[in-house]
Amino acid sequence: MKVAMLDPSLFTGRYDDSLCAALAGQGQQVTLLGRPMRATDAISPRGYVYRPHFFRRSEALRARIGEGRAFRLVKAAEYGLACALGDIHPLAAADIVHVQWLPLAPADRLMLNRLKGRTALVHTVHNADAYHADAGVQGRGYRALLDQFDALVVHGDTAHAALIGQGVDPARIHMTPHPPMRLA
């Protein structure tokens, strides 16, 4: 089975790395799609492919413009364009697109609309309150995105109960305990 694992900003690189390696160890063909890796990223693909698919231009500018407001605006614009018009073939060609994080809900909606019906969509809900309920524009519309997914993965009872409380069909929620990860 072909799995496209998405963590566009590599919010949880070690988690992604461990999960992708475990899936590959079970015989799945896994590609992790994120931003270009930085020297500080602790990702070493074992049995899976890493592809820098998101934020290539903004990451190239990062050293020159820093990580302040200008960088965040460039990054948001680049991501919005990628979601609306960018190459989705690596995603659509997979049997499953497993989205770890949705970094900008208005843009993510565009990408999910392009993928819906072309491949199975799964999302790990790491936090029942998007961005710890302090999201601003970044998370505006996050709850509506959950309805786009065929399945949702949670790691604990709190997130499971919160999603049911938000009206998510319990049949779409799958509990998977958080796996151990190797630490630096």
Protein backbone atom coordinates (compact mmCIF):
# COMPACT_ATOMS: atom_id res chain seq x y z
CA MET A 1 0.00 0.00 0.00
CA LYS A 2 1.26 3.49 -0.87
CA VAL A 3 1.09 5.95 2.03
CA ALA A 4 1.74 9.67 1.66
CA MET A 5 2.44 11.04 5.15
CA LEU A 6 2.07 14.84 5.38
CA ASP A 7 3.64 17.13 7.93
CA PRO A 8 4.20 20.23 5.79
CA SER A 9 6.08 22.24 8.45
CA LEU A 10 7.59 19.17 10.17
CA PHE A 11 5.92 20.11 13.44
CA THR A 12 6.59 16.60 14.77
CA GLY A 13 9.54 15.34 12.77
CA ARG A 14 10.69 12.64 15.21
CA TYR A 15 7.17 11.30 15.55
CA ASP A 16 6.77 11.28 11.75
CA ASP A 17 10.13 9.55 11.32
CA SER A 18 9.26 6.81 13.82
CA LEU A 19 5.79 6.26 12.38
CA CYS A 20 6.99 6.17 8.76
CA ALA A 21 9.79 3.73 9.62
CA ALA A 22 7.33 1.47 11.47
CA LEU A 23 4.88 1.48 8.56
CA ALA A 24 7.70 0.77 6.11
CA GLY A 25 8.83 -2.08 8.37
CA GLN A 26 5.37 -3.59 7.92
CA GLY A 27 5.79 -3.54 4.14
CA GLN A 28 4.05 -0.27 3.31
CA GLN A 29 5.51 2.04 0.65
CA VAL A 30 5.76 5.32 2.60
CA THR A 31 6.73 8.82 1.53
CA LEU A 32 6.95 11.58 4.13
CA LEU A 33 6.27 14.98 2.57
CA GLY A 34 7.37 18.09 4.44
CA ARG A 35 9.52 21.18 4.10
CA PRO A 36 13.22 21.01 3.21
CA MET A 37 15.06 19.55 6.17
CA ARG A 38 17.13 21.81 8.40
CA ALA A 39 20.38 20.82 10.06
CA THR A 40 18.52 20.53 13.37
CA ASP A 41 15.88 18.09 12.08
CA ALA A 42 16.29 14.65 13.62
CA ILE A 43 14.91 12.68 10.70
CA SER A 44 16.78 9.78 9.17
CA PRO A 45 14.54 7.87 6.76
CA ARG A 46 14.78 4.13 7.33
CA GLY A 47 12.84 2.18 4.76
CA TYR A 48 10.80 5.14 3.58
CA VAL A 49 11.35 8.15 1.30
CA TYR A 50 11.54 11.75 2.47
CA ARG A 51 10.41 14.38 -0.02
CA PRO A 52 10.73 18.15 0.53
CA HIS A 53 7.41 19.05 -1.07
CA PHE A 54 6.29 22.13 0.88
CA PHE A 55 7.83 25.55 1.66
CA ARG A 56 10.82 25.15 -0.67
CA ARG A 57 10.94 28.84 -1.61
CA SER A 58 10.27 30.27 1.83
CA GLU A 59 12.83 27.95 3.41
CA ALA A 60 15.39 29.15 0.85
CA LEU A 61 14.71 32.73 2.05
CA ARG A 62 14.74 31.88 5.75
CA ALA A 63 18.42 32.64 6.36
CA ARG A 64 18.12 36.04 4.67
CA ILE A 65 14.85 37.29 6.12
CA GLY A 66 14.79 35.48 9.47
CA GLU A 67 11.75 33.81 11.00
CA GLY A 68 9.74 36.92 11.79
CA ARG A 69 6.54 38.26 10.33
CA ALA A 70 7.88 38.58 6.76
CA PHE A 71 8.93 34.93 6.76
CA ARG A 72 5.56 33.80 8.10
CA LEU A 73 3.72 35.83 5.43
CA VAL A 74 5.89 34.42 2.62
CA LYS A 75 5.41 30.93 4.02
CA ALA A 76 1.62 31.36 4.23
CA ALA A 77 1.41 32.70 0.67
CA GLU A 78 3.56 29.88 -0.67
CA TYR A 79 1.51 27.26 1.15
CA GLY A 80 -1.78 28.76 -0.01
CA LEU A 81 -0.65 28.66 -3.64
CA ALA A 82 0.68 25.11 -3.26
CA CYS A 83 -2.62 23.92 -1.79
CA ALA A 84 -4.72 25.69 -4.43
CA LEU A 85 -2.64 25.11 -7.55
CA GLY A 86 0.44 23.03 -6.67
CA ASP A 87 1.42 19.53 -7.69
CA ILE A 88 -0.77 17.04 -5.86
CA HIS A 89 0.30 14.00 -7.89
CA PRO A 90 2.49 12.58 -5.08
CA LEU A 91 -0.58 12.73 -2.85
CA ALA A 92 -3.26 11.63 -5.31
CA ALA A 93 -1.09 8.67 -6.41
CA ALA A 94 -1.08 7.26 -2.86
CA ASP A 95 -3.67 4.82 -1.56
CA ILE A 96 -3.81 6.80 1.69
CA VAL A 97 -2.90 10.39 2.47
CA HIS A 98 -2.26 10.59 6.21
CA VAL A 99 -2.13 14.21 7.34
CA GLN A 100 -0.29 14.77 10.61
CA TRP A 101 -0.80 18.54 10.78
CA LEU A 102 -2.92 21.12 8.99
CA PRO A 103 -0.77 24.26 9.26
CA LEU A 104 -3.16 26.79 7.69
CA ALA A 105 -6.81 25.74 7.66
CA PRO A 106 -8.03 28.04 4.85
CA ALA A 107 -5.30 26.70 2.54
CA ASP A 108 -5.63 23.12 3.77
CA ARG A 109 -9.31 23.19 2.80
CA LEU A 110 -8.27 23.87 -0.80
CA MET A 111 -5.86 20.94 -0.85
CA LEU A 112 -8.34 18.56 0.77
CA ASN A 113 -11.03 19.55 -1.72
CA ARG A 114 -8.64 18.64 -4.54
CA LEU A 115 -7.87 15.24 -2.97
CA LYS A 116 -11.33 14.22 -1.72
CA GLY A 117 -12.58 11.18 -3.61
CA ARG A 118 -9.19 10.53 -5.26
CA THR A 119 -7.55 8.81 -2.28
CA ALA A 120 -8.39 7.85 1.28
CA LEU A 121 -7.83 10.75 3.69
CA VAL A 122 -6.73 10.21 7.30
CA HIS A 123 -5.80 12.84 9.89
CA THR A 124 -4.15 12.44 13.27
CA VAL A 125 -5.80 14.86 15.66
CA HIS A 126 -2.89 15.64 17.98
CA ASN A 127 -4.82 18.32 19.87
CA ALA A 128 -8.61 18.30 20.17
CA ASP A 129 -8.52 22.11 20.32
CA ALA A 130 -6.69 23.24 17.20
CA TYR A 131 -3.57 25.18 18.11
CA HIS A 132 -4.63 24.90 21.77
CA ALA A 133 -7.66 27.11 20.98
CA ASP A 134 -5.37 30.08 20.19
CA ALA A 135 -5.19 29.84 16.43
CA GLY A 136 -6.30 33.06 14.81
CA VAL A 137 -6.38 32.80 11.03
CA GLN A 138 -4.09 29.78 11.11
CA GLY A 139 -6.75 27.53 12.55
CA ARG A 140 -9.94 29.29 11.51
CA GLY A 141 -12.08 26.59 9.97
CA TYR A 142 -10.07 23.67 11.41
CA ARG A 143 -13.15 21.90 12.80
CA ALA A 144 -14.82 21.89 9.36
CA LEU A 145 -11.71 20.25 7.90
CA LEU A 146 -12.25 17.20 10.09
CA ASP A 147 -15.38 16.40 8.08
CA GLN A 148 -13.24 16.00 4.94
CA PHE A 149 -11.39 12.98 6.34
CA ASP A 150 -12.44 9.37 5.99
CA ALA A 151 -10.84 8.55 9.34
CA LEU A 152 -9.44 10.43 12.32
CA VAL A 153 -6.74 9.07 14.64
CA VAL A 154 -6.48 10.16 18.27
CA HIS A 155 -3.99 9.11 20.94
CA GLY A 156 -6.13 9.35 24.04
CA ASP A 157 -9.55 9.41 25.65
CA THR A 158 -9.57 13.20 26.06
CA ALA A 159 -9.24 13.86 22.33
CA HIS A 160 -11.70 11.07 21.55
CA ALA A 161 -14.34 12.55 23.87
CA ALA A 162 -13.67 16.09 22.62
CA LEU A 163 -14.24 15.08 19.00
CA ILE A 164 -17.48 13.30 19.85
CA GLY A 165 -18.50 16.42 21.77
CA GLN A 166 -17.83 18.45 18.61
CA GLY A 167 -20.21 16.23 16.64
CA VAL A 168 -17.72 13.93 14.92
CA ASP A 169 -19.17 10.50 14.10
CA PRO A 170 -17.55 8.06 16.57
CA ALA A 171 -17.23 5.44 13.81
CA ARG A 172 -14.66 7.68 12.08
CA ILE A 173 -12.48 8.06 15.20
CA HIS A 174 -9.73 5.49 15.79
CA MET A 175 -7.78 5.33 19.04
CA THR A 176 -4.10 4.54 18.68
CA PRO A 177 -1.99 4.94 21.82
CA HIS A 178 0.96 7.28 21.35
CA PRO A 179 3.97 5.16 20.41
CA PRO A 180 7.33 5.38 22.12
CA MET A 181 9.88 7.41 20.16
CA ARG A 182 13.63 7.40 20.23
CA LEU A 183 14.94 10.57 21.82
CA ALA A 184 18.07 12.51 20.90
